[in-house]
Amino acid sequence: MEVLASEQEIPDVRSAADPAESVEAILNALPAMVGYWDRDQRNRMANHACVEFFDKTPEEMRGLHISEVLGPELYAESLPYIEGALRGEPQLFDRKITTPSGEVRYTQVSYAPDIIDGKAGGFFVLVTDISEWRRIEEEVEESRTRLAEAERLARLGSWKWDIPSGTMTCSDGLFEIYGINAEDFEGTYQPDGSKYVHPNDRVMVETEMREAVETGAPIDIEYRIIRPDGRVRRLHSRAELIADEEGRPLRLTGTAQDVTEARAAAEVLHQTATDLGRRAQELLRDHSSRNGHELNKLLTPRQIEILGLVAEGLSNADISQRLYLSESTVKWHIRKILRSLGVANRAQAVARYLSIQ
């Protein structure tokens, strides 16, 4: 069988490569800093990331005392860990490092003892740059701080009930509303009703929670709580159910807002509006009574009766037929009505009449 030329030309790199060179190539390819310091704390090996970080060449790095690499201040901070590694104890710690260019980087440092005949002959150093992780952590913490402040200002809190496990997690804002510390919270949902919910509202709250789990219906309720200090607060809570692809309930997530003052203010406004409305009706009745009394003094009962029919839209002829009067008599009464009321026409007389009804 003929062997292809291309197959003959490909060398077996793995068998031909020097193991030491392979290891060195791997170490140089790592983004983390890797080095080795002996018992005298002098460098014996440093990968490319290490020498580049400290702005050295491999030749300059080799043989340097670790204090010459770190500088006096950082060396003093690192010395307890170095001594621990030389005693054969692995070390792991975080360290903030300022590069020769002045850039501040956050790192995680590992010192692994090199044990030879039961004694540390030196230690390997692995330094991982965690600046990006640290930045993300700081952003998350900053977001949590902003959220906590927003919850405090809005008197709002959030909660999540993991249904399969029964665990419940709450935000700091919710703990503040309930007047308890996070350490005092049991961390589980109590199916027989929270001990903080007002006894008269527990059945309602439990019914809403159960229906949400069974039917997926959203929760939108108001209920009262009793804080450990005895104060009663009114909360408005909303929640939504999250289920898996087969419809099995996974968790309920919701918010609760303290609306005690808002509801109290609304009740005061409602009561005030009710009182004002009642007073307005009383004033209107008093006004109508006074106007009616004045009308009785100005007009005769017959004239009041005719004016009422005029207000209904009846003509003189219609009124004469209704009251069995002649049309001329009706006209005479209307002239008397206009003169007695001091108005110029029928429309003004009707307006005066309607104002007392």
Protein backbone atom coordinates (compact mmCIF):
# COMPACT_ATOMS: atom_id res chain seq x y z
CA MET A 1 0.00 0.00 0.00
CA GLU A 2 1.37 3.39 -1.00
CA VAL A 3 1.82 5.88 1.86
CA LEU A 4 0.93 9.48 1.04
CA ALA A 5 3.83 11.89 1.02
CA SER A 6 2.01 14.30 3.28
CA GLU A 7 1.71 11.57 5.92
CA GLN A 8 5.42 10.86 5.73
CA GLU A 9 6.30 14.55 6.17
CA ILE A 10 4.37 15.12 9.43
CA PRO A 11 6.70 14.58 12.41
CA ASP A 12 5.49 13.30 15.75
CA VAL A 13 5.89 16.51 17.70
CA ARG A 14 4.80 14.99 21.01
CA SER A 15 7.48 12.32 20.94
CA ALA A 16 10.15 14.69 19.74
CA ALA A 17 9.44 17.54 22.18
CA ASP A 18 11.47 17.95 25.38
CA PRO A 19 9.11 17.46 28.38
CA ALA A 20 10.72 20.38 30.16
CA GLU A 21 10.18 22.61 27.15
CA SER A 22 6.54 21.47 26.92
CA VAL A 23 5.92 22.37 30.54
CA GLU A 24 7.60 25.74 30.05
CA ALA A 25 5.45 26.42 26.98
CA ILE A 26 2.30 25.59 28.93
CA LEU A 27 3.30 27.85 31.83
CA ASN A 28 4.11 30.70 29.47
CA ALA A 29 0.72 30.33 27.81
CA LEU A 30 -1.15 30.78 31.10
CA PRO A 31 -2.65 34.24 31.76
CA ALA A 32 -1.85 33.80 35.48
CA MET A 33 1.54 34.60 36.97
CA VAL A 34 3.53 31.49 37.89
CA GLY A 35 6.91 31.46 39.60
CA TYR A 36 9.17 29.49 41.90
CA TRP A 37 11.22 30.84 44.84
CA ASP A 38 13.70 28.75 46.78
CA ARG A 39 14.30 28.65 50.55
CA ASP A 40 16.45 31.75 50.27
CA GLN A 41 13.44 33.48 48.65
CA ARG A 42 15.25 33.86 45.34
CA ASN A 43 13.53 33.36 42.03
CA ARG A 44 14.33 30.22 40.05
CA MET A 45 11.52 30.39 37.48
CA ALA A 46 8.94 32.87 36.24
CA ASN A 47 6.57 32.55 33.29
CA HIS A 48 5.95 35.28 30.73
CA ALA A 49 2.93 36.73 32.57
CA CYS A 50 5.00 37.12 35.73
CA VAL A 51 7.99 38.88 34.18
CA GLU A 52 5.74 41.12 32.07
CA PHE A 53 3.68 42.15 35.11
CA PHE A 54 6.78 43.27 36.99
CA ASP A 55 8.30 44.74 33.82
CA LYS A 56 11.34 42.47 33.90
CA THR A 57 13.08 40.19 31.47
CA PRO A 58 13.44 36.48 32.38
CA GLU A 59 17.16 37.05 32.88
CA GLU A 60 16.54 40.03 35.18
CA MET A 61 13.97 38.12 37.21
CA ARG A 62 16.02 34.98 37.79
CA GLY A 63 17.95 35.10 41.05
CA LEU A 64 16.15 38.17 42.41
CA HIS A 65 15.09 38.12 46.03
CA ILE A 66 11.32 38.28 46.31
CA SER A 67 11.59 41.55 48.26
CA GLU A 68 13.26 43.13 45.21
CA VAL A 69 10.28 42.12 43.10
CA LEU A 70 7.52 43.09 45.51
CA GLY A 71 9.07 46.18 47.05
CA PRO A 72 9.53 46.76 50.80
CA GLU A 73 5.91 47.52 51.68
CA LEU A 74 4.32 44.64 49.77
CA TYR A 75 7.07 42.29 50.91
CA ALA A 76 6.34 43.13 54.55
CA GLU A 77 2.66 42.33 53.98
CA SER A 78 3.52 39.06 52.21
CA LEU A 79 6.24 37.87 54.60
CA PRO A 80 3.90 35.97 57.00
CA TYR A 81 2.55 33.98 54.06
CA ILE A 82 6.07 33.35 52.71
CA GLU A 83 7.23 32.06 56.08
CA GLY A 84 4.12 29.88 56.30
CA ALA A 85 4.86 28.35 52.90
CA LEU A 86 8.46 27.67 53.90
CA ARG A 87 7.14 25.84 56.96
CA GLY A 88 5.27 23.58 54.54
CA GLU A 89 1.85 25.23 54.99
CA PRO A 90 -0.10 26.12 51.80
CA GLN A 91 -1.14 29.79 51.67
CA LEU A 92 -4.07 31.44 49.88
CA PHE A 93 -4.91 35.14 50.16
CA ASP A 94 -6.04 38.19 48.20
CA ARG A 95 -3.67 41.02 47.47
CA LYS A 96 -3.91 44.46 45.88
CA ILE A 97 -0.86 45.13 43.73
CA THR A 98 0.28 48.32 42.05
CA THR A 99 2.09 47.61 38.80
CA PRO A 100 5.28 49.49 37.85
CA SER A 101 3.09 51.60 35.54
CA GLY A 102 0.97 52.67 38.50
CA GLU A 103 -2.08 50.57 37.68
CA VAL A 104 -3.85 48.95 40.65
CA ARG A 105 -4.77 45.30 40.19
CA TYR A 106 -6.54 42.88 42.52
CA THR A 107 -5.10 39.38 42.71
CA GLN A 108 -5.57 36.06 44.42
CA VAL A 109 -2.24 34.60 45.50
CA SER A 110 -1.40 30.98 46.22
CA TYR A 111 1.89 29.82 47.78
CA ALA A 112 2.32 26.03 47.41
CA PRO A 113 5.26 24.53 49.35
CA ASP A 114 7.71 22.39 47.36
CA ILE A 115 8.24 19.53 49.82
CA ILE A 116 11.55 17.69 49.42
CA ASP A 117 12.42 14.94 51.95
CA GLY A 118 9.73 16.25 54.26
CA LYS A 119 10.96 19.81 54.13
CA ALA A 120 9.97 22.80 51.99
CA GLY A 121 12.78 23.43 49.53
CA GLY A 122 10.95 26.45 48.21
CA PHE A 123 7.45 27.37 47.12
CA PHE A 124 5.50 27.77 43.92
CA VAL A 125 3.63 31.02 43.41
CA LEU A 126 0.38 31.29 41.46
CA VAL A 127 -1.08 34.78 41.11
CA THR A 128 -4.45 35.13 39.39
CA ASP A 129 -5.67 38.54 38.33
CA ILE A 130 -9.19 38.93 39.77
CA SER A 131 -9.58 42.63 39.01
CA GLU A 132 -12.54 42.00 36.72
CA TRP A 133 -14.24 39.76 39.30
CA ARG A 134 -13.61 42.40 41.95
CA ARG A 135 -15.12 45.08 39.70
CA ILE A 136 -18.22 42.95 39.17
CA GLU A 137 -18.49 42.31 42.92
CA GLU A 138 -18.24 46.02 43.61
CA GLU A 139 -20.91 46.79 41.01
CA VAL A 140 -23.19 44.13 42.50
CA GLU A 141 -22.63 45.53 45.99
CA GLU A 142 -23.26 49.05 44.75
CA SER A 143 -26.47 47.87 43.07
CA ARG A 144 -27.55 46.18 46.30
CA THR A 145 -26.86 49.38 48.21
CA ARG A 146 -28.88 51.45 45.76
CA LEU A 147 -31.71 48.89 45.87
CA ALA A 148 -31.74 48.92 49.66
CA GLU A 149 -31.90 52.72 49.69
CA ALA A 150 -34.70 52.73 47.11
CA GLU A 151 -36.62 50.16 49.14
CA ARG A 152 -36.16 52.23 52.29
CA LEU A 153 -37.41 55.41 50.64
CA ALA A 154 -40.38 53.64 49.04
CA ARG A 155 -41.03 51.54 52.17
CA LEU A 156 -40.85 48.55 49.88
CA GLY A 157 -39.44 45.05 50.29
CA SER A 158 -39.22 41.91 48.19
CA TRP A 159 -39.46 38.20 48.96
CA LYS A 160 -39.07 34.83 47.22
CA TRP A 161 -40.56 31.53 48.32
CA ASP A 162 -38.88 28.42 46.88
CA ILE A 163 -41.84 26.05 46.93
CA PRO A 164 -40.11 22.63 46.67
CA SER A 165 -37.71 23.38 49.53
CA GLY A 166 -39.99 25.65 51.51
CA THR A 167 -37.24 28.24 51.99
CA MET A 168 -38.03 31.92 51.83
CA THR A 169 -35.60 34.77 51.26
CA CYS A 170 -36.38 38.40 51.98
CA SER A 171 -34.70 41.70 51.17
CA ASP A 172 -33.35 44.08 53.78
CA GLY A 173 -36.23 46.42 52.99
CA LEU A 174 -38.77 43.77 53.96
CA PHE A 175 -37.02 43.06 57.25
CA GLU A 176 -37.12 46.79 58.00
CA ILE A 177 -40.86 46.91 57.28
CA TYR A 178 -41.50 43.96 59.61
CA GLY A 179 -39.19 45.44 62.24
CA ILE A 180 -37.03 42.34 62.59
CA ASN A 181 -33.39 41.41 61.99
CA ALA A 182 -32.42 39.00 59.24
CA GLU A 183 -30.83 36.77 61.89
CA ASP A 184 -34.19 36.42 63.65
CA PHE A 185 -35.97 35.16 60.53
CA GLU A 186 -36.41 31.39 60.32
CA GLY A 187 -35.89 31.39 56.53
CA THR A 188 -38.88 29.16 55.79
CA TYR A 189 -42.46 29.75 54.72
CA GLN A 190 -44.98 28.97 57.44
CA PRO A 191 -48.07 27.36 55.87
CA ASP A 192 -50.13 27.96 59.01
CA GLY A 193 -49.67 31.72 58.59
CA SER A 194 -46.82 34.02 59.51
CA LYS A 195 -46.72 34.91 63.17
CA TYR A 196 -46.30 38.53 62.12
CA VAL A 197 -49.54 38.68 60.09
CA HIS A 198 -52.51 40.12 61.98
CA PRO A 199 -54.65 37.21 63.27
CA ASN A 200 -57.74 38.58 61.51
CA ASP A 201 -55.91 38.60 58.15
CA ARG A 202 -54.07 35.26 58.29
CA VAL A 203 -56.83 33.22 56.65
CA MET A 204 -57.06 35.71 53.78
CA VAL A 205 -53.29 35.72 53.21
CA GLU A 206 -53.04 31.94 53.38
CA THR A 207 -55.98 31.53 50.95
CA GLU A 208 -54.32 33.87 48.45
CA MET A 209 -50.99 32.03 48.71
CA ARG A 210 -52.62 28.63 48.28
CA GLU A 211 -54.70 29.73 45.27
CA ALA A 212 -51.62 31.26 43.64
CA VAL A 213 -49.77 27.93 43.92
CA GLU A 214 -52.74 25.83 42.79
CA THR A 215 -54.07 28.02 39.97
CA GLY A 216 -51.20 30.36 39.08
CA ALA A 217 -53.38 33.39 39.85
CA PRO A 218 -51.38 36.52 40.73
CA ILE A 219 -51.55 37.88 44.27
CA ASP A 220 -52.67 41.46 44.89
CA ILE A 221 -53.81 41.98 48.49
CA GLU A 222 -53.65 44.27 51.46
CA TYR A 223 -53.19 42.90 54.95
CA ARG A 224 -51.98 43.96 58.37
CA ILE A 225 -48.92 42.88 60.30
CA ILE A 226 -47.99 43.25 63.95
CA ARG A 227 -44.37 44.18 64.47
CA PRO A 228 -42.41 42.95 67.50
CA ASP A 229 -42.73 46.46 68.97
CA GLY A 230 -46.53 46.09 68.87
CA ARG A 231 -47.14 48.55 66.03
CA VAL A 232 -49.72 47.53 63.44
CA ARG A 233 -48.79 48.25 59.81
CA ARG A 234 -50.81 47.82 56.64
CA LEU A 235 -49.03 46.25 53.65
CA HIS A 236 -49.91 46.01 49.97
CA SER A 237 -48.39 42.87 48.46
CA ARG A 238 -48.15 41.63 44.87
CA ALA A 239 -46.69 38.30 43.75
CA GLU A 240 -46.40 36.08 40.67
CA LEU A 241 -45.96 32.31 40.39
CA ILE A 242 -43.07 30.84 38.39
CA ALA A 243 -43.58 27.27 37.16
CA ASP A 244 -41.51 24.79 35.15
CA GLU A 245 -42.30 23.66 31.59
CA GLU A 246 -44.73 21.04 32.89
CA GLY A 247 -46.61 23.55 35.00
CA ARG A 248 -45.22 22.47 38.36
CA PRO A 249 -44.91 25.45 40.74
CA LEU A 250 -41.32 26.40 41.48
CA ARG A 251 -41.46 29.66 43.40
CA LEU A 252 -43.48 32.70 44.26
CA THR A 253 -41.76 36.06 43.97
CA GLY A 254 -43.34 39.20 45.26
CA THR A 255 -43.10 42.63 46.82
CA ALA A 256 -44.69 44.21 49.88
CA GLN A 257 -45.07 47.94 50.46
CA ASP A 258 -45.94 49.66 53.71
CA VAL A 259 -49.03 51.76 52.86
CA THR A 260 -50.07 52.53 56.42
CA GLU A 261 -49.70 56.30 56.19
CA ALA A 262 -51.03 56.43 52.62
CA ARG A 263 -54.20 54.54 53.60
CA ALA A 264 -54.63 56.65 56.73
CA ALA A 265 -54.34 59.83 54.65
CA ALA A 266 -56.84 58.46 52.11
CA GLU A 267 -59.30 57.67 54.88
CA VAL A 268 -58.94 61.19 56.30
CA LEU A 269 -59.51 62.71 52.84
CA HIS A 270 -62.53 60.47 52.28
CA GLN A 271 -64.02 61.42 55.63
CA THR A 272 -63.35 65.10 54.94
CA ALA A 273 -64.99 64.86 51.52
CA THR A 274 -67.98 63.09 53.07
CA ASP A 275 -68.32 65.76 55.74
CA LEU A 276 -68.05 68.55 53.16
CA GLY A 277 -70.66 66.88 50.97
CA ARG A 278 -73.05 66.50 53.86
CA ARG A 279 -72.55 70.12 54.86
CA ALA A 280 -73.14 71.27 51.28
CA GLN A 281 -76.43 69.37 51.20
CA GLU A 282 -77.47 70.97 54.46
CA LEU A 283 -76.61 74.43 53.15
CA LEU A 284 -78.54 73.74 49.94
CA ARG A 285 -81.57 72.61 51.87
CA ASP A 286 -81.35 75.70 54.06
CA HIS A 287 -81.02 77.89 50.97
CA SER A 288 -83.96 76.21 49.26
CA SER A 289 -86.05 76.51 52.41
CA ARG A 290 -85.31 80.22 52.70
CA ASN A 291 -86.00 80.79 48.99
CA GLY A 292 -89.20 78.77 49.21
CA HIS A 293 -90.32 80.82 52.16
CA GLU A 294 -89.59 84.02 50.22
CA LEU A 295 -91.54 82.68 47.22
CA ASN A 296 -94.52 81.97 49.45
CA LYS A 297 -94.43 85.57 50.62
CA LEU A 298 -94.22 86.99 47.08
CA LEU A 299 -96.67 84.74 45.24
CA THR A 300 -100.05 83.27 45.94
CA PRO A 301 -100.48 79.48 45.97
CA ARG A 302 -102.20 79.69 42.57
CA GLN A 303 -99.34 81.73 41.10
CA ILE A 304 -96.79 79.24 42.45
CA GLU A 305 -98.79 76.44 40.85
CA ILE A 306 -98.88 78.28 37.49
CA LEU A 307 -95.14 79.04 37.69
CA GLY A 308 -94.49 75.32 38.28
CA LEU A 309 -96.42 74.44 35.12
CA VAL A 310 -94.50 77.10 33.19
CA ALA A 311 -91.29 75.45 34.41
CA GLU A 312 -92.57 72.14 33.01
CA GLY A 313 -92.77 73.81 29.57
CA LEU A 314 -96.54 74.21 29.31
CA SER A 315 -97.98 77.06 27.24
CA ASN A 316 -100.66 79.46 28.45
CA ALA A 317 -103.28 77.43 26.60
CA ASP A 318 -102.06 74.19 28.16
CA ILE A 319 -102.13 75.74 31.65
CA SER A 320 -105.64 77.09 31.13
CA GLN A 321 -106.86 73.62 30.20
CA ARG A 322 -104.99 71.97 33.09
CA LEU A 323 -106.31 74.39 35.73
CA TYR A 324 -109.70 75.08 34.10
CA LEU A 325 -108.94 78.77 33.83
CA SER A 326 -109.38 81.11 30.94
CA GLU A 327 -106.27 81.86 28.96
CA SER A 328 -106.56 85.56 29.77
CA THR A 329 -106.59 84.72 33.49
CA VAL A 330 -103.41 82.70 33.04
CA LYS A 331 -101.78 85.62 31.25
CA TRP A 332 -102.83 87.96 34.08
CA HIS A 333 -101.27 85.64 36.70
CA ILE A 334 -98.02 85.39 34.73
CA ARG A 335 -97.76 89.20 34.55
CA LYS A 336 -98.25 89.34 38.31
CA ILE A 337 -95.60 86.64 38.80
CA LEU A 338 -93.02 88.53 36.73
CA ARG A 339 -93.74 91.78 38.55
CA SER A 340 -93.61 90.16 42.03
CA LEU A 341 -90.33 88.35 41.33
CA GLY A 342 -88.75 91.38 39.67
CA VAL A 343 -87.84 89.50 36.48
CA ALA A 344 -88.26 90.47 32.85
CA ASN A 345 -89.51 87.27 31.24
CA ARG A 346 -90.78 83.74 31.74
CA ALA A 347 -87.27 82.22 31.45
CA GLN A 348 -85.97 84.27 34.37
CA ALA A 349 -89.02 83.39 36.40
CA VAL A 350 -88.48 79.69 35.72
CA ALA A 351 -84.79 79.98 36.70
CA ARG A 352 -85.78 81.56 39.99
CA TYR A 353 -88.31 78.83 40.60
CA LEU A 354 -85.88 76.01 39.81
CA SER A 355 -83.22 77.45 42.12
CA ILE A 356 -85.32 76.51 45.15
CA GLN A 357 -86.25 72.98 44.04
